[in-house]
C-alpha atoms as a PDB file:
ATOM      1  CA  MET A   1      -5.203 -40.445  26.232  1.00  0.00           C
ATOM      2  CA  GLU A   2      -1.517 -41.187  26.726  1.00  0.00           C
ATOM      3  CA  GLU A   3      -0.570 -37.709  25.503  1.00  0.00           C
ATOM      4  CA  ALA A   4      -3.024 -36.099  27.950  1.00  0.00           C
ATOM      5  CA  THR A   5      -1.603 -37.999  30.924  1.00  0.00           C
ATOM      6  CA  ARG A   6       1.967 -37.225  29.881  1.00  0.00           C
ATOM      7  CA  GLN A   7       1.231 -33.498  29.748  1.00  0.00           C
ATOM      8  CA  HIS A   8      -0.332 -33.663  33.220  1.00  0.00           C
ATOM      9  CA  PHE A   9       2.368 -35.655  34.973  1.00  0.00           C
ATOM     10  CA  PHE A  10       5.385 -33.976  33.386  1.00  0.00           C
ATOM     11  CA  HIS A  11       4.350 -30.337  33.013  1.00  0.00           C
ATOM     12  CA  HIS A  12       1.508 -29.334  35.342  1.00  0.00           C
ATOM     13  CA  GLY A  13       3.804 -28.955  38.302  1.00  0.00           C
ATOM     14  CA  GLU A  14       5.864 -26.353  36.463  1.00  0.00           C
ATOM     15  CA  GLU A  15       5.390 -22.607  36.264  1.00  0.00           C
ATOM     16  CA  GLY A  16       3.817 -21.216  33.131  1.00  0.00           C
ATOM     17  CA  HIS A  17       1.177 -23.970  32.805  1.00  0.00           C
ATOM     18  CA  GLU A  18      -1.435 -22.452  35.141  1.00  0.00           C
ATOM     19  CA  ALA A  19      -4.174 -21.956  32.516  1.00  0.00           C
ATOM     20  CA  GLU A  20      -3.610 -25.396  31.075  1.00  0.00           C
ATOM     21  CA  LYS A  21      -3.623 -26.882  34.571  1.00  0.00           C
ATOM     22  CA  ARG A  22      -7.027 -25.366  35.372  1.00  0.00           C
ATOM     23  CA  ASN A  23      -8.497 -27.188  32.371  1.00  0.00           C
ATOM     24  CA  CYS A  24      -6.750 -30.497  33.100  1.00  0.00           C
ATOM     25  CA  HIS A  25      -9.152 -33.228  34.215  1.00  0.00           C
ATOM     26  CA  PHE A  26      -6.419 -35.031  36.148  1.00  0.00           C
ATOM     27  CA  CYS A  27      -5.547 -31.851  38.059  1.00  0.00           C
ATOM     28  CA  GLN A  28      -9.219 -31.229  38.789  1.00  0.00           C
ATOM     29  CA  ILE A  29      -9.817 -34.637  40.369  1.00  0.00           C
ATOM     30  CA  ARG A  30      -6.511 -34.495  42.247  1.00  0.00           C
ATOM     31  CA  SER A  31      -7.773 -31.324  43.930  1.00  0.00           C
ATOM     32  CA  PHE A  32     -10.611 -33.244  45.626  1.00  0.00           C
ATOM     33  CA  THR A  33     -10.030 -33.385  49.392  1.00  0.00           C
ATOM     34  CA  THR A  34     -10.787 -37.127  49.292  1.00  0.00           C
ATOM     35  CA  HIS A  35      -8.347 -37.884  46.482  1.00  0.00           C
ATOM     36  CA  ALA A  36      -5.593 -39.458  48.580  1.00  0.00           C
ATOM     37  CA  GLN A  37      -7.928 -41.948  50.258  1.00  0.00           C
ATOM     38  CA  TYR A  38     -10.681 -42.392  47.640  1.00  0.00           C
ATOM     39  CA  PRO A  39      -9.169 -41.404  44.289  1.00  0.00           C
ATOM     40  CA  VAL A  40     -10.963 -40.937  40.995  1.00  0.00           C
ATOM     41  CA  THR A  41      -8.980 -42.269  38.039  1.00  0.00           C
ATOM     42  CA  ILE A  42      -9.467 -42.131  34.269  1.00  0.00           C
ATOM     43  CA  ILE A  43      -8.435 -44.967  31.964  1.00  0.00           C
ATOM     44  CA  ASN A  44      -8.913 -45.788  28.281  1.00  0.00           C
ATOM     45  CA  THR A  45      -7.695 -49.046  26.771  1.00  0.00           C
ATOM     46  CA  GLU A  46     -10.251 -49.056  23.933  1.00  0.00           C
ATOM     47  CA  ASP A  47      -9.299 -46.133  21.679  1.00  0.00           C
ATOM     48  CA  ASP A  48      -7.631 -42.697  21.629  1.00  0.00           C
ATOM     49  CA  GLU A  49     -10.585 -40.712  23.017  1.00  0.00           C
ATOM     50  CA  VAL A  50     -10.177 -38.337  25.956  1.00  0.00           C
ATOM     51  CA  LEU A  51     -12.815 -36.558  28.033  1.00  0.00           C
ATOM     52  CA  ARG A  52     -14.207 -33.466  26.351  1.00  0.00           C
ATOM     53  CA  ALA A  53     -12.169 -30.355  27.125  1.00  0.00           C
ATOM     54  CA  SER A  54     -15.398 -28.453  27.838  1.00  0.00           C
ATOM     55  CA  PHE A  55     -16.122 -30.675  30.848  1.00  0.00           C
ATOM     56  CA  HIS A  56     -14.988 -29.632  34.334  1.00  0.00           C
ATOM     57  CA  PHE A  57     -14.860 -31.869  37.438  1.00  0.00           C
ATOM     58  CA  MET A  58     -16.436 -30.419  40.583  1.00  0.00           C
ATOM     59  CA  HIS A  59     -16.847 -31.767  44.110  1.00  0.00           C
ATOM     60  CA  SER A  60     -20.230 -30.085  44.764  1.00  0.00           C
ATOM     61  CA  SER A  61     -23.104 -28.551  42.834  1.00  0.00           C
ATOM     62  CA  VAL A  62     -23.188 -24.849  41.952  1.00  0.00           C
ATOM     63  CA  LEU A  63     -26.280 -22.653  41.772  1.00  0.00           C
ATOM     64  CA  GLY A  64     -27.032 -21.198  38.371  1.00  0.00           C
ATOM     65  CA  LYS A  65     -28.606 -17.847  37.515  1.00  0.00           C
ATOM     66  CA  GLY A  66     -31.961 -17.344  39.186  1.00  0.00           C
ATOM     67  CA  VAL A  67     -31.461 -20.082  41.793  1.00  0.00           C
ATOM     68  CA  GLU A  68     -31.286 -18.585  45.257  1.00  0.00           C
ATOM     69  CA  PRO A  69     -30.010 -20.452  48.335  1.00  0.00           C
ATOM     70  CA  THR A  70     -32.226 -20.615  51.413  1.00  0.00           C
ATOM     71  CA  ARG A  71     -31.777 -17.546  53.570  1.00  0.00           C
ATOM     72  CA  GLU A  72     -29.705 -18.238  56.656  1.00  0.00           C
ATOM     73  CA  GLU A  73     -32.457 -17.258  59.083  1.00  0.00           C
ATOM     74  CA  PHE A  74     -34.631 -20.112  57.766  1.00  0.00           C
ATOM     75  CA  LEU A  75     -31.994 -22.826  58.216  1.00  0.00           C
ATOM     76  CA  THR A  76     -32.551 -25.166  61.153  1.00  0.00           C
ATOM     77  CA  GLY A  77     -31.004 -28.343  62.487  1.00  0.00           C
ATOM     78  CA  CYS A  78     -31.629 -30.841  65.242  1.00  0.00           C
ATOM     79  CA  GLU A  79     -30.648 -30.149  68.837  1.00  0.00           C
ATOM     80  CA  CYS A  80     -29.422 -33.668  69.601  1.00  0.00           C
ATOM     81  CA  THR A  81     -26.234 -33.423  71.669  1.00  0.00           C
ATOM     82  CA  ASP A  82     -25.588 -37.168  71.275  1.00  0.00           C
ATOM     83  CA  GLY A  83     -25.377 -38.429  67.713  1.00  0.00           C
ATOM     84  CA  GLU A  84     -26.960 -41.716  68.759  1.00  0.00           C
ATOM     85  CA  ASP A  85     -30.202 -39.786  69.353  1.00  0.00           C
ATOM     86  CA  CYS A  86     -30.278 -38.902  65.651  1.00  0.00           C
ATOM     87  CA  GLN A  87     -31.573 -42.383  64.816  1.00  0.00           C
ATOM     88  CA  TYR A  88     -34.926 -41.833  66.511  1.00  0.00           C
ATOM     89  CA  ASP A  89     -38.191 -40.014  65.888  1.00  0.00           C
ATOM     90  CA  THR A  90     -37.256 -37.453  68.539  1.00  0.00           C
ATOM     91  CA  CYS A  91     -34.643 -35.993  66.157  1.00  0.00           C
ATOM     92  CA  ASN A  92     -36.002 -32.908  64.359  1.00  0.00           C
ATOM     93  CA  CYS A  93     -34.264 -33.928  61.133  1.00  0.00           C
ATOM     94  CA  LEU A  94     -36.423 -37.074  60.994  1.00  0.00           C
ATOM     95  CA  GLN A  95     -39.759 -35.377  61.592  1.00  0.00           C
ATOM     96  CA  ASP A  96     -41.002 -36.051  58.047  1.00  0.00           C
ATOM     97  CA  VAL A  97     -40.075 -39.748  57.860  1.00  0.00           C
ATOM     98  CA  GLU A  98     -43.166 -41.727  56.928  1.00  0.00           C
ATOM     99  CA  GLU A  99     -44.527 -44.135  59.514  1.00  0.00           C
ATOM    100  CA  ASP A 100     -44.209 -47.132  57.187  1.00  0.00           C
ATOM    101  CA  ASP A 101     -40.438 -46.685  57.078  1.00  0.00           C
ATOM    102  CA  SER A 102     -39.905 -46.825  60.831  1.00  0.00           C
ATOM    103  CA  SER A 103     -39.937 -50.551  61.523  1.00  0.00           C
ATOM    104  CA  ASP A 104     -36.861 -52.725  61.182  1.00  0.00           C
ATOM    105  CA  ASP A 105     -36.177 -54.764  58.060  1.00  0.00           C
ATOM    106  CA  ASP A 106     -36.820 -58.489  58.099  1.00  0.00           C
ATOM    107  CA  ASP A 107     -33.100 -59.006  57.539  1.00  0.00           C
ATOM    108  CA  ASP A 108     -32.037 -56.418  60.099  1.00  0.00           C
ATOM    109  CA  ASP A 109     -30.413 -58.850  62.534  1.00  0.00           C
ATOM    110  CA  ASP A 110     -27.844 -56.276  63.629  1.00  0.00           C
ATOM    111  CA  ASP A 111     -30.492 -54.124  65.318  1.00  0.00           C
ATOM    112  CA  GLU A 112     -32.056 -55.772  68.315  1.00  0.00           C
ATOM    113  CA  ALA A 113     -35.022 -53.434  68.554  1.00  0.00           C
ATOM    114  CA  ALA A 114     -36.662 -50.541  66.777  1.00  0.00           C
ATOM    115  CA  THR A 115     -37.450 -48.836  70.064  1.00  0.00           C
ATOM    116  CA  THR A 116     -35.488 -47.888  73.135  1.00  0.00           C
ATOM    117  CA  ASP A 117     -36.013 -46.328  76.538  1.00  0.00           C
ATOM    118  CA  SER A 118     -35.308 -42.629  76.793  1.00  0.00           C
ATOM    119  CA  PRO A 119     -32.351 -41.874  79.095  1.00  0.00           C
ATOM    120  CA  HIS A 120     -34.701 -39.664  81.116  1.00  0.00           C
ATOM    121  CA  GLY A 121     -37.479 -42.208  81.530  1.00  0.00           C
ATOM    122  CA  ALA A 122     -39.590 -40.694  78.756  1.00  0.00           C
ATOM    123  CA  PRO A 123     -41.788 -42.903  76.509  1.00  0.00           C
ATOM    124  CA  TYR A 124     -40.195 -45.250  74.038  1.00  0.00           C
ATOM    125  CA  ARG A 125     -38.535 -43.728  71.002  1.00  0.00           C
ATOM    126  CA  LYS A 126     -38.817 -45.350  67.602  1.00  0.00           C
ATOM    127  CA  ARG A 127     -35.792 -45.777  65.345  1.00  0.00           C
ATOM    128  CA  VAL A 128     -36.739 -44.155  62.046  1.00  0.00           C
ATOM    129  CA  TYR A 129     -33.508 -43.231  60.293  1.00  0.00           C
ATOM    130  CA  ALA A 130     -32.721 -44.853  56.955  1.00  0.00           C
ATOM    131  CA  TYR A 131     -29.626 -46.854  57.868  1.00  0.00           C
ATOM    132  CA  HIS A 132     -28.645 -49.981  59.757  1.00  0.00           C
ATOM    133  CA  ALA A 133     -27.338 -48.978  63.147  1.00  0.00           C
ATOM    134  CA  HIS A 134     -24.961 -51.723  64.305  1.00  0.00           C
ATOM    135  CA  GLY A 135     -22.694 -54.537  63.222  1.00  0.00           C
ATOM    136  CA  ALA A 136     -21.407 -55.290  59.739  1.00  0.00           C
ATOM    137  CA  LYS A 137     -24.306 -53.415  58.124  1.00  0.00           C
ATOM    138  CA  ALA A 138     -23.839 -50.176  60.062  1.00  0.00           C
ATOM    139  CA  GLY A 139     -24.214 -47.198  57.743  1.00  0.00           C
ATOM    140  CA  LEU A 140     -25.819 -49.221  54.928  1.00  0.00           C
ATOM    141  CA  LEU A 141     -29.252 -48.274  53.678  1.00  0.00           C
ATOM    142  CA  ARG A 142     -31.985 -50.574  54.976  1.00  0.00           C
ATOM    143  CA  SER A 143     -33.519 -53.000  52.497  1.00  0.00           C
ATOM    144  CA  LYS A 144     -36.970 -51.508  53.072  1.00  0.00           C
ATOM    145  CA  ILE A 145     -35.690 -48.128  51.875  1.00  0.00           C
ATOM    146  CA  LEU A 146     -33.702 -49.614  48.997  1.00  0.00           C
ATOM    147  CA  THR A 147     -36.827 -51.126  47.477  1.00  0.00           C
ATOM    148  CA  SER A 148     -38.793 -47.896  47.856  1.00  0.00           C
ATOM    149  CA  ARG A 149     -38.581 -44.444  46.364  1.00  0.00           C
ATOM    150  CA  ASN A 150     -38.852 -42.701  49.715  1.00  0.00           C
ATOM    151  CA  PRO A 151     -36.573 -39.740  50.477  1.00  0.00           C
ATOM    152  CA  ILE A 152     -33.707 -39.978  52.959  1.00  0.00           C
ATOM    153  CA  TYR A 153     -33.533 -37.428  55.764  1.00  0.00           C
ATOM    154  CA  GLU A 154     -30.136 -36.716  57.314  1.00  0.00           C
ATOM    155  CA  CYS A 155     -28.515 -34.453  59.846  1.00  0.00           C
ATOM    156  CA  HIS A 156     -26.340 -31.648  58.496  1.00  0.00           C
ATOM    157  CA  GLU A 157     -24.022 -28.749  59.254  1.00  0.00           C
ATOM    158  CA  SER A 158     -26.713 -26.740  61.074  1.00  0.00           C
ATOM    159  CA  CYS A 159     -27.298 -29.551  63.585  1.00  0.00           C
ATOM    160  CA  ALA A 160     -25.962 -29.735  67.129  1.00  0.00           C
ATOM    161  CA  CYS A 161     -24.819 -33.348  66.675  1.00  0.00           C
ATOM    162  CA  GLY A 162     -21.191 -33.892  65.668  1.00  0.00           C
ATOM    163  CA  LYS A 163     -19.662 -34.991  62.380  1.00  0.00           C
ATOM    164  CA  ASP A 164     -19.593 -38.597  63.663  1.00  0.00           C
ATOM    165  CA  CYS A 165     -23.392 -38.683  63.897  1.00  0.00           C
ATOM    166  CA  PRO A 166     -24.561 -41.980  62.293  1.00  0.00           C
ATOM    167  CA  ASN A 167     -27.215 -40.079  60.353  1.00  0.00           C
ATOM    168  CA  ARG A 168     -24.697 -38.212  58.166  1.00  0.00           C
ATOM    169  CA  VAL A 169     -23.820 -40.867  55.585  1.00  0.00           C
ATOM    170  CA  VAL A 170     -24.341 -38.764  52.445  1.00  0.00           C
ATOM    171  CA  GLU A 171     -23.224 -35.673  54.352  1.00  0.00           C
ATOM    172  CA  ARG A 172     -19.760 -37.222  54.848  1.00  0.00           C
ATOM    173  CA  GLY A 173     -19.374 -37.824  51.125  1.00  0.00           C
ATOM    174  CA  ARG A 174     -18.068 -40.562  48.877  1.00  0.00           C
ATOM    175  CA  LYS A 175     -16.080 -43.357  50.547  1.00  0.00           C
ATOM    176  CA  VAL A 176     -15.286 -45.533  47.529  1.00  0.00           C
ATOM    177  CA  PRO A 177     -12.626 -45.043  44.834  1.00  0.00           C
ATOM    178  CA  LEU A 178     -14.085 -44.688  41.353  1.00  0.00           C
ATOM    179  CA  GLN A 179     -12.620 -45.246  37.913  1.00  0.00           C
ATOM    180  CA  ILE A 180     -13.918 -43.608  34.744  1.00  0.00           C
ATOM    181  CA  PHE A 181     -13.168 -45.979  31.885  1.00  0.00           C
ATOM    182  CA  ARG A 182     -13.823 -46.275  28.180  1.00  0.00           C
ATOM    183  CA  THR A 183     -16.401 -48.963  27.406  1.00  0.00           C
ATOM    184  CA  ALA A 184     -16.441 -51.041  24.246  1.00  0.00           C
ATOM    185  CA  ASN A 185     -19.753 -49.695  22.921  1.00  0.00           C
ATOM    186  CA  ARG A 186     -21.228 -47.017  25.235  1.00  0.00           C
ATOM    187  CA  GLY A 187     -18.609 -44.309  25.499  1.00  0.00           C
ATOM    188  CA  TRP A 188     -17.374 -43.630  29.022  1.00  0.00           C
ATOM    189  CA  GLY A 189     -18.530 -45.597  32.055  1.00  0.00           C
ATOM    190  CA  VAL A 190     -17.753 -45.845  35.768  1.00  0.00           C
ATOM    191  CA  ARG A 191     -16.664 -48.727  38.002  1.00  0.00           C
ATOM    192  CA  SER A 192     -15.121 -49.102  41.429  1.00  0.00           C
ATOM    193  CA  THR A 193     -11.770 -50.677  42.224  1.00  0.00           C
ATOM    194  CA  VAL A 194     -13.211 -52.133  45.459  1.00  0.00           C
ATOM    195  CA  ASP A 195     -16.261 -54.236  46.275  1.00  0.00           C
ATOM    196  CA  ILE A 196     -19.409 -52.267  47.097  1.00  0.00           C
ATOM    197  CA  LYS A 197     -21.992 -53.610  49.551  1.00  0.00           C
ATOM    198  CA  LYS A 198     -25.735 -53.610  49.066  1.00  0.00           C
ATOM    199  CA  GLY A 199     -27.086 -50.419  50.603  1.00  0.00           C
ATOM    200  CA  GLN A 200     -23.749 -48.586  50.475  1.00  0.00           C
ATOM    201  CA  PHE A 201     -23.671 -44.921  49.486  1.00  0.00           C
ATOM    202  CA  VAL A 202     -21.567 -44.465  46.358  1.00  0.00           C
ATOM    203  CA  ASP A 203     -21.690 -40.764  45.414  1.00  0.00           C
ATOM    204  CA  LYS A 204     -23.990 -37.880  44.547  1.00  0.00           C
ATOM    205  CA  TYR A 205     -25.011 -36.729  41.084  1.00  0.00           C
ATOM    206  CA  ILE A 206     -23.990 -33.081  40.992  1.00  0.00           C
ATOM    207  CA  GLY A 207     -23.848 -30.285  38.473  1.00  0.00           C
ATOM    208  CA  GLU A 208     -25.210 -26.830  37.838  1.00  0.00           C
ATOM    209  CA  VAL A 209     -28.595 -26.320  39.518  1.00  0.00           C
ATOM    210  CA  ILE A 210     -30.758 -24.343  37.106  1.00  0.00           C
ATOM    211  CA  THR A 211     -34.352 -23.170  36.808  1.00  0.00           C
ATOM    212  CA  ALA A 212     -36.910 -25.140  34.797  1.00  0.00           C
ATOM    213  CA  GLU A 213     -36.977 -22.323  32.243  1.00  0.00           C
ATOM    214  CA  GLU A 214     -33.215 -22.495  31.753  1.00  0.00           C
ATOM    215  CA  ALA A 215     -33.363 -26.288  31.496  1.00  0.00           C
ATOM    216  CA  ASN A 216     -35.934 -26.030  28.709  1.00  0.00           C
ATOM    217  CA  ARG A 217     -33.783 -23.440  26.908  1.00  0.00           C
ATOM    218  CA  ARG A 218     -30.827 -25.808  27.042  1.00  0.00           C
ATOM    219  CA  ARG A 219     -32.950 -28.661  25.727  1.00  0.00           C
ATOM    220  CA  ALA A 220     -34.067 -26.471  22.849  1.00  0.00           C
ATOM    221  CA  ARG A 221     -30.467 -25.512  22.026  1.00  0.00           C
ATOM    222  CA  SER A 222     -29.297 -29.112  22.083  1.00  0.00           C
ATOM    223  CA  HIS A 223     -28.882 -30.708  18.641  1.00  0.00           C
ATOM    224  CA  ILE A 224     -30.976 -33.613  19.851  1.00  0.00           C
ATOM    225  CA  ALA A 225     -33.158 -32.559  22.801  1.00  0.00           C
ATOM    226  CA  GLN A 226     -33.411 -36.122  24.137  1.00  0.00           C
ATOM    227  CA  ARG A 227     -29.632 -36.329  24.321  1.00  0.00           C
ATOM    228  CA  LYS A 228     -29.661 -33.396  26.734  1.00  0.00           C
ATOM    229  CA  ASP A 229     -32.023 -35.314  29.015  1.00  0.00           C
ATOM    230  CA  VAL A 230     -29.203 -37.780  29.701  1.00  0.00           C
ATOM    231  CA  TYR A 231     -27.576 -35.074  31.852  1.00  0.00           C
ATOM    232  CA  LEU A 232     -30.619 -33.230  33.252  1.00  0.00           C
ATOM    233  CA  PHE A 233     -32.254 -34.499  36.438  1.00  0.00           C
ATOM    234  CA  ALA A 234     -35.250 -32.717  37.948  1.00  0.00           C
ATOM    235  CA  LEU A 235     -35.314 -32.010  41.685  1.00  0.00           C
ATOM    236  CA  ASP A 236     -39.009 -32.871  41.731  1.00  0.00           C
ATOM    237  CA  LYS A 237     -39.307 -35.263  44.663  1.00  0.00           C
ATOM    238  CA  PHE A 238     -41.240 -32.736  46.751  1.00  0.00           C
ATOM    239  CA  SER A 239     -42.972 -30.791  43.981  1.00  0.00           C
ATOM    240  CA  ASP A 240     -46.589 -30.151  44.963  1.00  0.00           C
ATOM    241  CA  PRO A 241     -48.910 -27.428  43.632  1.00  0.00           C
ATOM    242  CA  ASP A 242     -50.583 -27.349  47.056  1.00  0.00           C
ATOM    243  CA  SER A 243     -47.353 -27.033  49.044  1.00  0.00           C
ATOM    244  CA  LEU A 244     -47.085 -24.252  51.617  1.00  0.00           C
ATOM    245  CA  ASP A 245     -43.556 -23.670  50.291  1.00  0.00           C
ATOM    246  CA  GLU A 246     -43.952 -21.594  47.131  1.00  0.00           C
ATOM    247  CA  ARG A 247     -40.650 -22.938  45.819  1.00  0.00           C
ATOM    248  CA  LEU A 248     -42.238 -26.406  45.619  1.00  0.00           C
ATOM    249  CA  GLN A 249     -45.451 -25.267  43.932  1.00  0.00           C
ATOM    250  CA  GLY A 250     -44.101 -24.602  40.450  1.00  0.00           C
ATOM    251  CA  PRO A 251     -41.776 -26.392  38.046  1.00  0.00           C
ATOM    252  CA  PRO A 252     -38.814 -27.953  39.902  1.00  0.00           C
ATOM    253  CA  LEU A 253     -35.200 -26.957  39.604  1.00  0.00           C
ATOM    254  CA  GLU A 254     -32.970 -29.255  37.538  1.00  0.00           C
ATOM    255  CA  VAL A 255     -29.372 -30.427  37.820  1.00  0.00           C
ATOM    256  CA  ASP A 256     -27.348 -30.187  34.614  1.00  0.00           C
ATOM    257  CA  GLY A 257     -24.196 -32.297  34.769  1.00  0.00           C
ATOM    258  CA  GLU A 258     -23.176 -32.149  31.115  1.00  0.00           C
ATOM    259  CA  TYR A 259     -20.335 -29.647  31.474  1.00  0.00           C
ATOM    260  CA  LYS A 260     -19.837 -29.394  35.258  1.00  0.00           C
ATOM    261  CA  SER A 261     -20.168 -32.445  37.466  1.00  0.00           C
ATOM    262  CA  GLY A 262     -18.461 -35.250  39.359  1.00  0.00           C
ATOM    263  CA  PRO A 263     -17.516 -38.787  38.303  1.00  0.00           C
ATOM    264  CA  THR A 264     -21.117 -40.058  38.473  1.00  0.00           C
ATOM    265  CA  ARG A 265     -21.900 -37.928  35.447  1.00  0.00           C
ATOM    266  CA  PHE A 266     -20.326 -40.778  33.434  1.00  0.00           C
ATOM    267  CA  VAL A 267     -22.455 -43.576  34.969  1.00  0.00           C
ATOM    268  CA  ASN A 268     -24.399 -45.273  32.180  1.00  0.00           C
ATOM    269  CA  HIS A 269     -28.025 -46.370  32.073  1.00  0.00           C
ATOM    270  CA  SER A 270     -29.187 -49.960  32.492  1.00  0.00           C
ATOM    271  CA  CYS A 271     -32.665 -51.475  32.572  1.00  0.00           C
ATOM    272  CA  GLU A 272     -31.218 -53.839  35.225  1.00  0.00           C
ATOM    273  CA  PRO A 273     -29.110 -51.372  37.252  1.00  0.00           C
ATOM    274  CA  ASN A 274     -26.983 -51.951  40.340  1.00  0.00           C
ATOM    275  CA  LEU A 275     -27.484 -48.389  41.667  1.00  0.00           C
ATOM    276  CA  ARG A 276     -30.537 -46.265  42.435  1.00  0.00           C
ATOM    277  CA  ILE A 277     -30.899 -42.519  42.954  1.00  0.00           C
ATOM    278  CA  PHE A 278     -32.559 -41.322  46.156  1.00  0.00           C
ATOM    279  CA  ALA A 279     -33.601 -37.828  47.154  1.00  0.00           C
ATOM    280  CA  ARG A 280     -31.561 -36.899  50.235  1.00  0.00           C
ATOM    281  CA  VAL A 281     -32.671 -33.995  52.416  1.00  0.00           C
ATOM    282  CA  GLY A 282     -30.462 -32.196  54.887  1.00  0.00           C
ATOM    283  CA  ASP A 283     -32.060 -28.987  56.096  1.00  0.00           C
ATOM    284  CA  HIS A 284     -35.843 -29.164  55.641  1.00  0.00           C
ATOM    285  CA  ALA A 285     -35.779 -25.610  54.295  1.00  0.00           C
ATOM    286  CA  ASP A 286     -33.734 -26.932  51.354  1.00  0.00           C
ATOM    287  CA  LYS A 287     -36.175 -29.526  50.012  1.00  0.00           C
ATOM    288  CA  HIS A 288     -36.234 -27.733  46.661  1.00  0.00           C
ATOM    289  CA  LEU A 289     -32.428 -28.223  46.551  1.00  0.00           C
ATOM    290  CA  HIS A 290     -32.278 -31.842  47.733  1.00  0.00           C
ATOM    291  CA  ASP A 291     -29.335 -34.076  46.860  1.00  0.00           C
ATOM    292  CA  LEU A 292     -29.413 -36.889  44.298  1.00  0.00           C
ATOM    293  CA  ALA A 293     -27.663 -39.723  46.155  1.00  0.00           C
ATOM    294  CA  LEU A 294     -26.657 -42.987  44.474  1.00  0.00           C
ATOM    295  CA  PHE A 295     -26.802 -46.187  46.546  1.00  0.00           C
ATOM    296  CA  ALA A 296     -25.980 -49.788  45.610  1.00  0.00           C
ATOM    297  CA  ILE A 297     -29.142 -51.908  45.431  1.00  0.00           C
ATOM    298  CA  ARG A 298     -27.146 -55.143  45.478  1.00  0.00           C
ATOM    299  CA  ASP A 299     -23.599 -56.272  46.181  1.00  0.00           C
ATOM    300  CA  ILE A 300     -21.328 -55.047  43.375  1.00  0.00           C
ATOM    301  CA  PRO A 301     -17.949 -56.759  42.858  1.00  0.00           C
ATOM    302  CA  ARG A 302     -15.002 -54.526  42.044  1.00  0.00           C
ATOM    303  CA  GLY A 303     -14.586 -53.901  38.333  1.00  0.00           C
ATOM    304  CA  GLU A 304     -18.273 -54.292  37.472  1.00  0.00           C
ATOM    305  CA  GLU A 305     -19.669 -51.280  35.640  1.00  0.00           C
ATOM    306  CA  LEU A 306     -21.898 -49.077  37.785  1.00  0.00           C
ATOM    307  CA  THR A 307     -25.298 -48.279  36.284  1.00  0.00           C
ATOM    308  CA  PHE A 308     -28.641 -46.788  37.227  1.00  0.00           C
ATOM    309  CA  ASP A 309     -32.010 -46.558  35.506  1.00  0.00           C
ATOM    310  CA  TYR A 310     -32.286 -43.096  33.944  1.00  0.00           C
ATOM    311  CA  VAL A 311     -36.098 -43.316  33.905  1.00  0.00           C
ATOM    312  CA  ASP A 312     -36.641 -45.186  37.182  1.00  0.00           C
ATOM    313  CA  GLY A 313     -40.197 -44.745  38.411  1.00  0.00           C
ATOM    314  CA  VAL A 314     -41.583 -43.279  35.181  1.00  0.00           C
ATOM    315  CA  ASP A 315     -44.924 -44.786  34.173  1.00  0.00           C
ATOM    316  CA  ASP A 316     -44.440 -46.559  30.833  1.00  0.00           C
ATOM    317  CA  SER A 317     -47.921 -48.099  30.648  1.00  0.00           C
ATOM    318  CA  GLU A 318     -48.371 -46.275  27.342  1.00  0.00           C
ATOM    319  CA  ASN A 319     -45.021 -47.270  25.910  1.00  0.00           C
ATOM    320  CA  ASP A 320     -44.274 -45.309  22.739  1.00  0.00           C
ATOM    321  CA  ALA A 321     -41.644 -47.918  21.863  1.00  0.00           C
ATOM    322  CA  LEU A 322     -44.511 -50.131  20.702  1.00  0.00           C
ATOM    323  CA  ASP A 323     -45.450 -47.556  18.074  1.00  0.00           C
ATOM    324  CA  PRO A 324     -43.261 -47.945  14.932  1.00  0.00           C
ATOM    325  CA  GLU A 325     -44.014 -44.360  13.911  1.00  0.00           C
ATOM    326  CA  LYS A 326     -42.585 -42.958  17.142  1.00  0.00           C
ATOM    327  CA  GLN A 327     -39.594 -45.279  17.363  1.00  0.00           C
ATOM    328  CA  LYS A 328     -37.608 -43.250  14.823  1.00  0.00           C
ATOM    329  CA  ASP A 329     -37.514 -40.285  17.237  1.00  0.00           C
ATOM    330  CA  MET A 330     -36.678 -42.311  20.335  1.00  0.00           C
ATOM    331  CA  THR A 331     -33.321 -42.952  22.000  1.00  0.00           C
ATOM    332  CA  HIS A 332     -32.157 -46.559  21.705  1.00  0.00           C
ATOM    333  CA  CYS A 333     -31.029 -48.325  24.878  1.00  0.00           C
ATOM    334  CA  LEU A 334     -27.638 -50.043  24.629  1.00  0.00           C
ATOM    335  CA  CYS A 335     -27.575 -51.743  28.032  1.00  0.00           C
ATOM    336  CA  ARG A 336     -28.036 -55.269  26.562  1.00  0.00           C
ATOM    337  CA  SER A 337     -29.573 -56.535  29.802  1.00  0.00           C
ATOM    338  CA  LYS A 338     -32.072 -59.413  29.726  1.00  0.00           C
ATOM    339  CA  SER A 339     -34.866 -57.000  30.653  1.00  0.00           C
ATOM    340  CA  CYS A 340     -33.799 -54.221  28.268  1.00  0.00           C
ATOM    341  CA  ARG A 341     -36.788 -52.076  27.281  1.00  0.00           C
ATOM    342  CA  GLY A 342     -35.215 -51.264  23.936  1.00  0.00           C
ATOM    343  CA  TYR A 343     -35.573 -47.494  24.247  1.00  0.00           C
ATOM    344  CA  LEU A 344     -34.803 -44.890  26.911  1.00  0.00           C
ATOM    345  CA  TRP A 345     -37.420 -42.317  25.876  1.00  0.00           C
END
């Protein structure tokens, strides 16, 4: 680790090291536009291991072979000229928010009301966006959403509202510094050097977006197929065989972060996690390409390892871990939490 940092700091500003610089993890994370304000650092005080040379840091996902972006003529955004309007059910970006999610949280004392008069005397509008609107909690995910598995709908680059629109939390990107560190018994992990509040957006899980067929090929090529599943996450939140969108009718796309990803690729699993992944939708035409956004589900003090449940929401009523014959082929869980299930899958 020390040798890798020395090479970066003493030689990667010189001519003749261009190829080496492209493969340097420290150079890759220093190229992030947010690096000066919200840096990503790498530290190892446990052993001499370094990140695999085959891994490359990215700031956004890339589309793999066979994955086509939505055609420009199908992209749409809201027409709200005032970002404050993007909190209400009149905003086109929030048209698919479920009714149950519209009321204020019991602990939402920073929002005086869920409804407001229209500036033009129109009927009341209902606040339906996912975040607290005012006070110390502004921009934090509401408790009602945190305890659900409902998707988050946000404004985006095709919208008329500006970049300061309150409904662009994930859109604006990571706002916390992260540190990738070597754990004592679980390889690499991630923590923050600042406190994180309950409901705060941490970062997205990104990688190469690939077809289901390609994902299965990569699983088959992996030495241990279940190990590959640590890095593959299906974009299946809106999968529906009866959907009018043919892209949502079949097997979902998957995000592979094993060799190309951001710092959250190194977040470990826990059966008692402090983060949860939510499907975040920008343009409604991109539901098949929705984001995987990580939010804190409780206050997290700086230095505490960040974790999420790799199999959150999966029905384990028929738990194979209870079958001794199947246990030998299962992946052991190393989280050591009080509620540890013993096995991942």
